Amino acid sequence: MSRIKNAFLNGKAFISFVTGGYPDLETTKELIVAMEEAGADLIEIGIPFSDPIAEGAVIQEANERALSSGCTTDKLFDAIKEVREKVTVPLVFLTYINPIYTYGKERFFKRCVECGIDGIIVPDLPFEERDELKEECKQYQVESISLIAPTSKERIRTIASQAEGFIYCVSSLGVTGVRTEIKTDISSMISMVREVTDTPCAVGFGISTPEQAKDFAALADGAIVGSAIVKIVTQYGKESIKPVKAYVKEMKTAVGEA
């Protein structure tokens, strides 16, 4: 069993997100360690990119600032390799297809292995084009995390039947960001997933409060939080370690109560 699936074995999983290199790489490393200590079961790390089309304003700005401060894909790889020695939870890159092609597919996945990256999420790679990275993912044993959305409809079963690691269930239409209310019929989406696979399913996009995390974790196998964490980093900058750690601990507790 993969390290990613293992993250879901001890009850509902809490998945946290951080933008790599924001506000700087040293803080990124400290945040990853702090989030694991606070109970995060899996950590997503965004590779800074100039056109992160799935992201809302909060994470877009974090990407821009990380790039302007000099964070490159190479520097992020180096930082993750260093922090991997301190954490045991699965680490997953969230990136886009362009940075992978620009870096070189073979080189990118080789470095993923060197750094202990367990999986990748590529929001702008449609399911129908998954073969673009399939060979490299298989060769280097980096799991490609599938996304399903409210618009996936009849494709949900098809996508889920071939999923690995975990399935990222997108709770809302549009881009990432904190939402006060999420009306998507998540339970129906997850029911369709359950018909074809036992691969864990975690809900993300818009979750920011303990109540939301608990509610969605009750429907799925876990909850994913990104923008709310990045907002804390934006507010506190290099001093964000303690507030992020406290927030992750609170959210993990809520997920555990689901």
C-alpha atoms as a PDB file:
ATOM      1  CA  MET A   1       0.000   0.000   0.000  1.00  0.00           C
ATOM      2  CA  SER A   2       1.244   3.479  -0.846  1.00  0.00           C
ATOM      3  CA  ARG A   3       2.198   6.013   1.777  1.00  0.00           C
ATOM      4  CA  ILE A   4      -0.665   8.206   0.550  1.00  0.00           C
ATOM      5  CA  LYS A   5      -3.318   5.543   1.141  1.00  0.00           C
ATOM      6  CA  ASN A   6      -1.736   4.818   4.511  1.00  0.00           C
ATOM      7  CA  ALA A   7      -2.558   8.393   5.532  1.00  0.00           C
ATOM      8  CA  PHE A   8      -6.241   7.429   5.536  1.00  0.00           C
ATOM      9  CA  LEU A   9      -5.950   4.273   7.619  1.00  0.00           C
ATOM     10  CA  ASN A  10      -6.309   5.870  11.047  1.00  0.00           C
ATOM     11  CA  GLY A  11      -9.625   7.619  10.619  1.00  0.00           C
ATOM     12  CA  LYS A  12     -10.472  10.758   8.676  1.00  0.00           C
ATOM     13  CA  ALA A  13      -7.469  12.526   7.159  1.00  0.00           C
ATOM     14  CA  PHE A  14      -6.682  16.226   7.308  1.00  0.00           C
ATOM     15  CA  ILE A  15      -4.739  17.494   4.304  1.00  0.00           C
ATOM     16  CA  SER A  16      -3.044  20.881   4.505  1.00  0.00           C
ATOM     17  CA  PHE A  17      -1.507  23.038   1.789  1.00  0.00           C
ATOM     18  CA  VAL A  18       1.348  25.501   1.608  1.00  0.00           C
ATOM     19  CA  THR A  19       2.684  27.540  -1.322  1.00  0.00           C
ATOM     20  CA  GLY A  20       6.332  26.649  -1.751  1.00  0.00           C
ATOM     21  CA  GLY A  21       8.685  29.587  -1.223  1.00  0.00           C
ATOM     22  CA  TYR A  22       6.063  31.826   0.380  1.00  0.00           C
ATOM     23  CA  PRO A  23       7.051  34.000   2.123  1.00  0.00           C
ATOM     24  CA  ASP A  24      10.428  32.266   1.717  1.00  0.00           C
ATOM     25  CA  LEU A  25      11.831  28.746   1.547  1.00  0.00           C
ATOM     26  CA  GLU A  26      12.996  28.633   5.164  1.00  0.00           C
ATOM     27  CA  THR A  27       9.485  29.440   6.344  1.00  0.00           C
ATOM     28  CA  THR A  28       8.073  26.827   3.968  1.00  0.00           C
ATOM     29  CA  LYS A  29      10.256  24.163   5.556  1.00  0.00           C
ATOM     30  CA  GLU A  30       9.258  25.239   9.056  1.00  0.00           C
ATOM     31  CA  LEU A  31       5.587  25.260   8.095  1.00  0.00           C
ATOM     32  CA  ILE A  32       5.731  21.708   6.763  1.00  0.00           C
ATOM     33  CA  VAL A  33       7.289  20.445   9.982  1.00  0.00           C
ATOM     34  CA  ALA A  34       4.807  22.418  12.097  1.00  0.00           C
ATOM     35  CA  MET A  35       1.805  21.127  10.155  1.00  0.00           C
ATOM     36  CA  GLU A  36       2.892  17.525  10.630  1.00  0.00           C
ATOM     37  CA  GLU A  37       3.398  18.175  14.352  1.00  0.00           C
ATOM     38  CA  ALA A  38      -0.114  19.672  14.486  1.00  0.00           C
ATOM     39  CA  GLY A  39      -1.621  16.509  13.040  1.00  0.00           C
ATOM     40  CA  ALA A  40      -1.729  16.967   9.262  1.00  0.00           C
ATOM     41  CA  ASP A  41      -1.936  13.520   7.674  1.00  0.00           C
ATOM     42  CA  LEU A  42      -0.761  14.631   4.237  1.00  0.00           C
ATOM     43  CA  ILE A  43       0.750  17.906   3.052  1.00  0.00           C
ATOM     44  CA  GLU A  44       0.353  19.475  -0.376  1.00  0.00           C
ATOM     45  CA  ILE A  45       3.052  21.848  -1.574  1.00  0.00           C
ATOM     46  CA  GLY A  46       2.294  24.247  -4.406  1.00  0.00           C
ATOM     47  CA  ILE A  47       5.070  24.817  -6.904  1.00  0.00           C
ATOM     48  CA  PRO A  48       5.047  28.579  -7.660  1.00  0.00           C
ATOM     49  CA  PHE A  49       3.788  29.287 -11.163  1.00  0.00           C
ATOM     50  CA  SER A  50       2.917  32.490 -13.002  1.00  0.00           C
ATOM     51  CA  ASP A  51      -0.482  31.276 -14.217  1.00  0.00           C
ATOM     52  CA  PRO A  52      -2.103  29.021 -11.580  1.00  0.00           C
ATOM     53  CA  ILE A  53      -5.516  28.913 -13.247  1.00  0.00           C
ATOM     54  CA  ALA A  54      -7.273  26.839 -10.569  1.00  0.00           C
ATOM     55  CA  GLU A  55      -6.298  29.189  -7.761  1.00  0.00           C
ATOM     56  CA  GLY A  56      -8.147  32.133  -6.276  1.00  0.00           C
ATOM     57  CA  ALA A  57      -6.671  35.507  -5.390  1.00  0.00           C
ATOM     58  CA  VAL A  58      -5.045  34.387  -2.121  1.00  0.00           C
ATOM     59  CA  ILE A  59      -2.936  31.608  -3.615  1.00  0.00           C
ATOM     60  CA  GLN A  60      -2.332  33.511  -6.866  1.00  0.00           C
ATOM     61  CA  GLU A  61      -0.755  36.314  -4.880  1.00  0.00           C
ATOM     62  CA  ALA A  62       1.313  33.819  -2.884  1.00  0.00           C
ATOM     63  CA  ASN A  63       2.589  32.336  -6.156  1.00  0.00           C
ATOM     64  CA  GLU A  64       3.534  35.770  -7.478  1.00  0.00           C
ATOM     65  CA  ARG A  65       5.351  36.726  -4.283  1.00  0.00           C
ATOM     66  CA  ALA A  66       7.203  33.409  -4.110  1.00  0.00           C
ATOM     67  CA  LEU A  67       8.412  33.846  -7.682  1.00  0.00           C
ATOM     68  CA  SER A  68       9.389  37.472  -7.162  1.00  0.00           C
ATOM     69  CA  SER A  69      11.375  36.522  -4.068  1.00  0.00           C
ATOM     70  CA  GLY A  70      13.440  34.128  -6.166  1.00  0.00           C
ATOM     71  CA  CYS A  71      11.850  30.737  -5.543  1.00  0.00           C
ATOM     72  CA  THR A  72      12.533  28.390  -8.442  1.00  0.00           C
ATOM     73  CA  THR A  73      11.498  24.778  -8.969  1.00  0.00           C
ATOM     74  CA  ASP A  74      15.094  23.690  -8.346  1.00  0.00           C
ATOM     75  CA  LYS A  75      15.301  25.626  -5.083  1.00  0.00           C
ATOM     76  CA  LEU A  76      11.983  24.181  -3.948  1.00  0.00           C
ATOM     77  CA  PHE A  77      13.160  20.654  -4.730  1.00  0.00           C
ATOM     78  CA  ASP A  78      16.263  21.287  -2.623  1.00  0.00           C
ATOM     79  CA  ALA A  79      14.167  22.611   0.258  1.00  0.00           C
ATOM     80  CA  ILE A  80      11.785  19.638   0.170  1.00  0.00           C
ATOM     81  CA  LYS A  81      14.680  17.202   0.086  1.00  0.00           C
ATOM     82  CA  GLU A  82      15.984  18.822   3.250  1.00  0.00           C
ATOM     83  CA  VAL A  83      12.643  18.878   5.072  1.00  0.00           C
ATOM     84  CA  ARG A  84      11.823  15.304   4.046  1.00  0.00           C
ATOM     85  CA  GLU A  85      14.450  14.167   6.549  1.00  0.00           C
ATOM     86  CA  LYS A  86      12.316  15.695   9.318  1.00  0.00           C
ATOM     87  CA  VAL A  87       8.794  14.589   8.328  1.00  0.00           C
ATOM     88  CA  THR A  88       7.188  11.228   7.647  1.00  0.00           C
ATOM     89  CA  VAL A  89       3.756  12.194   6.282  1.00  0.00           C
ATOM     90  CA  PRO A  90       3.107  11.912   2.543  1.00  0.00           C
ATOM     91  CA  LEU A  91       4.138  14.988   0.553  1.00  0.00           C
ATOM     92  CA  VAL A  92       2.329  15.859  -2.660  1.00  0.00           C
ATOM     93  CA  PHE A  93       3.171  18.550  -5.198  1.00  0.00           C
ATOM     94  CA  LEU A  94       0.383  20.656  -6.656  1.00  0.00           C
ATOM     95  CA  THR A  95       1.577  22.026  -9.964  1.00  0.00           C
ATOM     96  CA  TYR A  96       0.568  22.622 -13.555  1.00  0.00           C
ATOM     97  CA  ILE A  97       1.545  20.837 -16.723  1.00  0.00           C
ATOM     98  CA  ASN A  98       3.604  23.732 -18.101  1.00  0.00           C
ATOM     99  CA  PRO A  99       6.183  23.789 -15.266  1.00  0.00           C
ATOM    100  CA  ILE A 100       6.630  20.015 -15.629  1.00  0.00           C
ATOM    101  CA  TYR A 101       7.227  20.273 -19.372  1.00  0.00           C
ATOM    102  CA  THR A 102       9.515  23.272 -18.953  1.00  0.00           C
ATOM    103  CA  TYR A 103      11.553  21.472 -16.321  1.00  0.00           C
ATOM    104  CA  GLY A 104      11.566  18.263 -18.374  1.00  0.00           C
ATOM    105  CA  LYS A 105       9.319  15.342 -17.470  1.00  0.00           C
ATOM    106  CA  GLU A 106      12.083  12.841 -16.805  1.00  0.00           C
ATOM    107  CA  ARG A 107      14.140  15.294 -14.776  1.00  0.00           C
ATOM    108  CA  PHE A 108      11.086  16.440 -12.822  1.00  0.00           C
ATOM    109  CA  PHE A 109      10.106  12.957 -11.695  1.00  0.00           C
ATOM    110  CA  LYS A 110      13.664  11.956 -10.900  1.00  0.00           C
ATOM    111  CA  ARG A 111      13.864  14.904  -8.541  1.00  0.00           C
ATOM    112  CA  CYS A 112      10.494  13.988  -7.023  1.00  0.00           C
ATOM    113  CA  VAL A 113      11.952  10.628  -6.061  1.00  0.00           C
ATOM    114  CA  GLU A 114      15.115  12.235  -4.664  1.00  0.00           C
ATOM    115  CA  CYS A 115      12.996  14.511  -2.484  1.00  0.00           C
ATOM    116  CA  GLY A 116      10.547  11.905  -1.254  1.00  0.00           C
ATOM    117  CA  ILE A 117       7.510  13.294  -3.086  1.00  0.00           C
ATOM    118  CA  ASP A 118       4.694  10.746  -3.005  1.00  0.00           C
ATOM    119  CA  GLY A 119       2.282  12.222  -5.515  1.00  0.00           C
ATOM    120  CA  ILE A 120       1.347  15.090  -7.811  1.00  0.00           C
ATOM    121  CA  ILE A 121      -1.849  16.995  -8.463  1.00  0.00           C
ATOM    122  CA  VAL A 122      -2.058  18.678 -11.873  1.00  0.00           C
ATOM    123  CA  PRO A 123      -5.358  20.623 -12.101  1.00  0.00           C
ATOM    124  CA  ASP A 124      -4.975  21.566 -15.761  1.00  0.00           C
ATOM    125  CA  LEU A 125      -4.296  18.011 -16.978  1.00  0.00           C
ATOM    126  CA  PRO A 126      -7.671  16.595 -18.094  1.00  0.00           C
ATOM    127  CA  PHE A 127      -8.416  12.958 -17.330  1.00  0.00           C
ATOM    128  CA  GLU A 128      -8.508  12.239 -21.056  1.00  0.00           C
ATOM    129  CA  GLU A 129      -4.889  13.432 -21.345  1.00  0.00           C
ATOM    130  CA  ARG A 130      -3.573  11.569 -18.271  1.00  0.00           C
ATOM    131  CA  ASP A 131      -1.267   9.498 -20.483  1.00  0.00           C
ATOM    132  CA  GLU A 132       0.942  12.592 -20.808  1.00  0.00           C
ATOM    133  CA  LEU A 133       2.442  11.747 -17.399  1.00  0.00           C
ATOM    134  CA  LYS A 134       1.294   8.167 -16.887  1.00  0.00           C
ATOM    135  CA  GLU A 135       4.557   6.498 -17.908  1.00  0.00           C
ATOM    136  CA  GLU A 136       6.730   8.749 -15.734  1.00  0.00           C
ATOM    137  CA  CYS A 137       4.417   8.410 -12.725  1.00  0.00           C
ATOM    138  CA  LYS A 138       4.517   4.629 -13.015  1.00  0.00           C
ATOM    139  CA  GLN A 139       8.267   4.464 -13.590  1.00  0.00           C
ATOM    140  CA  TYR A 140       9.113   6.674 -10.625  1.00  0.00           C
ATOM    141  CA  GLN A 141       6.214   5.527  -8.417  1.00  0.00           C
ATOM    142  CA  VAL A 142       4.810   9.015  -7.982  1.00  0.00           C
ATOM    143  CA  GLU A 143       1.035   8.769  -7.748  1.00  0.00           C
ATOM    144  CA  SER A 144      -1.070  11.036  -9.939  1.00  0.00           C
ATOM    145  CA  ILE A 145      -3.992  12.326  -7.880  1.00  0.00           C
ATOM    146  CA  SER A 146      -7.259  12.544  -9.813  1.00  0.00           C
ATOM    147  CA  LEU A 147      -9.725  15.392  -9.377  1.00  0.00           C
ATOM    148  CA  ILE A 148     -13.473  15.106  -9.687  1.00  0.00           C
ATOM    149  CA  ALA A 149     -15.755  18.147  -9.755  1.00  0.00           C
ATOM    150  CA  PRO A 150     -19.483  18.881  -9.775  1.00  0.00           C
ATOM    151  CA  THR A 151     -19.210  19.211 -13.561  1.00  0.00           C
ATOM    152  CA  SER A 152     -17.639  15.764 -13.959  1.00  0.00           C
ATOM    153  CA  LYS A 153     -21.094  14.098 -13.725  1.00  0.00           C
ATOM    154  CA  GLU A 154     -21.074  10.842 -15.720  1.00  0.00           C
ATOM    155  CA  ARG A 155     -17.256  10.928 -15.864  1.00  0.00           C
ATOM    156  CA  ILE A 156     -16.966  10.595 -12.072  1.00  0.00           C
ATOM    157  CA  ARG A 157     -17.151   6.791 -12.130  1.00  0.00           C
ATOM    158  CA  THR A 158     -14.671   6.569 -15.002  1.00  0.00           C
ATOM    159  CA  ILE A 159     -12.158   8.867 -13.327  1.00  0.00           C
ATOM    160  CA  ALA A 160     -12.557   7.187  -9.940  1.00  0.00           C
ATOM    161  CA  SER A 161     -12.155   3.680 -11.346  1.00  0.00           C
ATOM    162  CA  GLN A 162      -8.611   4.519 -12.452  1.00  0.00           C
ATOM    163  CA  ALA A 163      -7.624   6.704  -9.501  1.00  0.00           C
ATOM    164  CA  GLU A 164      -4.617   6.123  -7.277  1.00  0.00           C
ATOM    165  CA  GLY A 165      -3.464   7.543  -3.966  1.00  0.00           C
ATOM    166  CA  PHE A 166      -6.583   9.519  -3.130  1.00  0.00           C
ATOM    167  CA  ILE A 167      -9.301  11.295  -5.083  1.00  0.00           C
ATOM    168  CA  TYR A 168      -9.491  15.076  -4.789  1.00  0.00           C
ATOM    169  CA  CYS A 169     -13.187  15.924  -4.657  1.00  0.00           C
ATOM    170  CA  VAL A 170     -13.655  19.564  -5.707  1.00  0.00           C
ATOM    171  CA  SER A 171     -16.475  20.985  -3.591  1.00  0.00           C
ATOM    172  CA  SER A 172     -17.310  24.050  -5.685  1.00  0.00           C
ATOM    173  CA  LEU A 173     -17.251  25.452  -9.170  1.00  0.00           C
ATOM    174  CA  GLY A 174     -14.610  28.076  -9.890  1.00  0.00           C
ATOM    175  CA  VAL A 175     -11.220  28.564  -8.286  1.00  0.00           C
ATOM    176  CA  THR A 176      -9.862  27.895  -4.822  1.00  0.00           C
ATOM    177  CA  GLY A 177     -10.689  30.250  -1.985  1.00  0.00           C
ATOM    178  CA  VAL A 178     -12.485  30.540   1.327  1.00  0.00           C
ATOM    179  CA  ARG A 179     -16.275  30.156   1.020  1.00  0.00           C
ATOM    180  CA  THR A 180     -18.886  30.864   3.663  1.00  0.00           C
ATOM    181  CA  GLU A 181     -21.297  28.342   2.154  1.00  0.00           C
ATOM    182  CA  ILE A 182     -20.807  25.274  -0.022  1.00  0.00           C
ATOM    183  CA  LYS A 183     -23.979  23.886  -1.609  1.00  0.00           C
ATOM    184  CA  THR A 184     -22.594  21.154  -3.876  1.00  0.00           C
ATOM    185  CA  ASP A 185     -24.138  17.714  -3.404  1.00  0.00           C
ATOM    186  CA  ILE A 186     -20.901  16.122  -2.261  1.00  0.00           C
ATOM    187  CA  SER A 187     -22.599  12.983  -0.968  1.00  0.00           C
ATOM    188  CA  SER A 188     -23.860  12.075  -4.449  1.00  0.00           C
ATOM    189  CA  MET A 189     -20.417  12.572  -5.942  1.00  0.00           C
ATOM    190  CA  ILE A 190     -18.837  10.359  -3.306  1.00  0.00           C
ATOM    191  CA  SER A 191     -21.544   7.705  -3.698  1.00  0.00           C
ATOM    192  CA  MET A 192     -20.583   7.373  -7.351  1.00  0.00           C
ATOM    193  CA  VAL A 193     -16.917   7.079  -6.377  1.00  0.00           C
ATOM    194  CA  ARG A 194     -17.746   4.346  -3.853  1.00  0.00           C
ATOM    195  CA  GLU A 195     -19.493   2.319  -6.549  1.00  0.00           C
ATOM    196  CA  VAL A 196     -16.255   1.731  -8.438  1.00  0.00           C
ATOM    197  CA  THR A 197     -13.305   2.074  -6.025  1.00  0.00           C
ATOM    198  CA  ASP A 198     -12.181   2.006  -2.415  1.00  0.00           C
ATOM    199  CA  THR A 199      -9.581   4.700  -3.113  1.00  0.00           C
ATOM    200  CA  PRO A 200      -9.949   7.367  -0.373  1.00  0.00           C
ATOM    201  CA  CYS A 201     -11.778  10.557  -1.292  1.00  0.00           C
ATOM    202  CA  ALA A 202     -10.986  13.941   0.281  1.00  0.00           C
ATOM    203  CA  VAL A 203     -12.959  17.152  -0.205  1.00  0.00           C
ATOM    204  CA  GLY A 204     -11.284  20.478  -0.939  1.00  0.00           C
ATOM    205  CA  PHE A 205     -11.902  24.007  -2.366  1.00  0.00           C
ATOM    206  CA  GLY A 206     -13.462  26.499   0.002  1.00  0.00           C
ATOM    207  CA  ILE A 207     -13.147  24.741   3.366  1.00  0.00           C
ATOM    208  CA  SER A 208     -11.944  27.101   6.083  1.00  0.00           C
ATOM    209  CA  THR A 209     -13.805  26.499   9.349  1.00  0.00           C
ATOM    210  CA  PRO A 210     -13.744  23.533  11.744  1.00  0.00           C
ATOM    211  CA  GLU A 211     -17.483  23.081  11.143  1.00  0.00           C
ATOM    212  CA  GLN A 212     -17.013  22.832   7.370  1.00  0.00           C
ATOM    213  CA  ALA A 213     -14.082  20.451   7.788  1.00  0.00           C
ATOM    214  CA  LYS A 214     -16.096  18.209  10.108  1.00  0.00           C
ATOM    215  CA  ASP A 215     -19.151  18.195   7.848  1.00  0.00           C
ATOM    216  CA  PHE A 216     -17.264  17.293   4.692  1.00  0.00           C
ATOM    217  CA  ALA A 217     -15.004  14.778   6.396  1.00  0.00           C
ATOM    218  CA  ALA A 218     -18.167  13.049   7.609  1.00  0.00           C
ATOM    219  CA  LEU A 219     -19.198  12.574   3.974  1.00  0.00           C
ATOM    220  CA  ALA A 220     -15.750  11.643   2.668  1.00  0.00           C
ATOM    221  CA  ASP A 221     -12.468  10.221   3.949  1.00  0.00           C
ATOM    222  CA  GLY A 222     -10.877  13.570   4.669  1.00  0.00           C
ATOM    223  CA  ALA A 223     -10.800  17.325   4.178  1.00  0.00           C
ATOM    224  CA  ILE A 224      -8.335  19.561   2.333  1.00  0.00           C
ATOM    225  CA  VAL A 225      -7.566  23.152   3.323  1.00  0.00           C
ATOM    226  CA  GLY A 226      -5.382  25.507   1.319  1.00  0.00           C
ATOM    227  CA  SER A 227      -6.420  29.143   0.960  1.00  0.00           C
ATOM    228  CA  ALA A 228      -7.282  29.552   4.653  1.00  0.00           C
ATOM    229  CA  ILE A 229      -3.751  28.465   5.598  1.00  0.00           C
ATOM    230  CA  VAL A 230      -2.137  30.690   2.964  1.00  0.00           C
ATOM    231  CA  LYS A 231      -4.189  33.626   4.320  1.00  0.00           C
ATOM    232  CA  ILE A 232      -2.614  33.071   7.730  1.00  0.00           C
ATOM    233  CA  VAL A 233       0.834  33.011   6.122  1.00  0.00           C
ATOM    234  CA  THR A 234      -0.001  36.259   4.336  1.00  0.00           C
ATOM    235  CA  GLN A 235      -1.083  37.848   7.600  1.00  0.00           C
ATOM    236  CA  TYR A 236       1.896  36.791   9.700  1.00  0.00           C
ATOM    237  CA  GLY A 237       4.670  36.203   7.160  1.00  0.00           C
ATOM    238  CA  LYS A 238       7.762  34.670   8.690  1.00  0.00           C
ATOM    239  CA  GLU A 239       5.993  34.662  12.058  1.00  0.00           C
ATOM    240  CA  SER A 240       3.214  32.398  10.761  1.00  0.00           C
ATOM    241  CA  ILE A 241       4.539  29.100  12.147  1.00  0.00           C
ATOM    242  CA  LYS A 242       2.684  29.191  15.469  1.00  0.00           C
ATOM    243  CA  PRO A 243      -0.665  30.487  14.147  1.00  0.00           C
ATOM    244  CA  VAL A 244      -0.637  27.983  11.274  1.00  0.00           C
ATOM    245  CA  LYS A 245       0.220  25.181  13.671  1.00  0.00           C
ATOM    246  CA  ALA A 246      -2.644  26.169  15.983  1.00  0.00           C
ATOM    247  CA  TYR A 247      -5.067  26.366  13.042  1.00  0.00           C
ATOM    248  CA  VAL A 248      -4.059  22.980  11.634  1.00  0.00           C
ATOM    249  CA  LYS A 249      -4.409  21.405  15.065  1.00  0.00           C
ATOM    250  CA  GLU A 250      -7.930  22.824  15.392  1.00  0.00           C
ATOM    251  CA  MET A 251      -8.907  21.602  11.927  1.00  0.00           C
ATOM    252  CA  LYS A 252      -7.436  18.147  12.485  1.00  0.00           C
ATOM    253  CA  THR A 253      -9.426  17.841  15.705  1.00  0.00           C
ATOM    254  CA  ALA A 254     -12.626  18.784  13.841  1.00  0.00           C
ATOM    255  CA  VAL A 255     -11.936  16.247  11.095  1.00  0.00           C
ATOM    256  CA  GLY A 256     -11.275  13.581  13.716  1.00  0.00           C
ATOM    257  CA  GLU A 257     -14.704  14.216  15.216  1.00  0.00           C
ATOM    258  CA  ALA A 258     -16.464  13.525  11.914  1.00  0.00           C
END
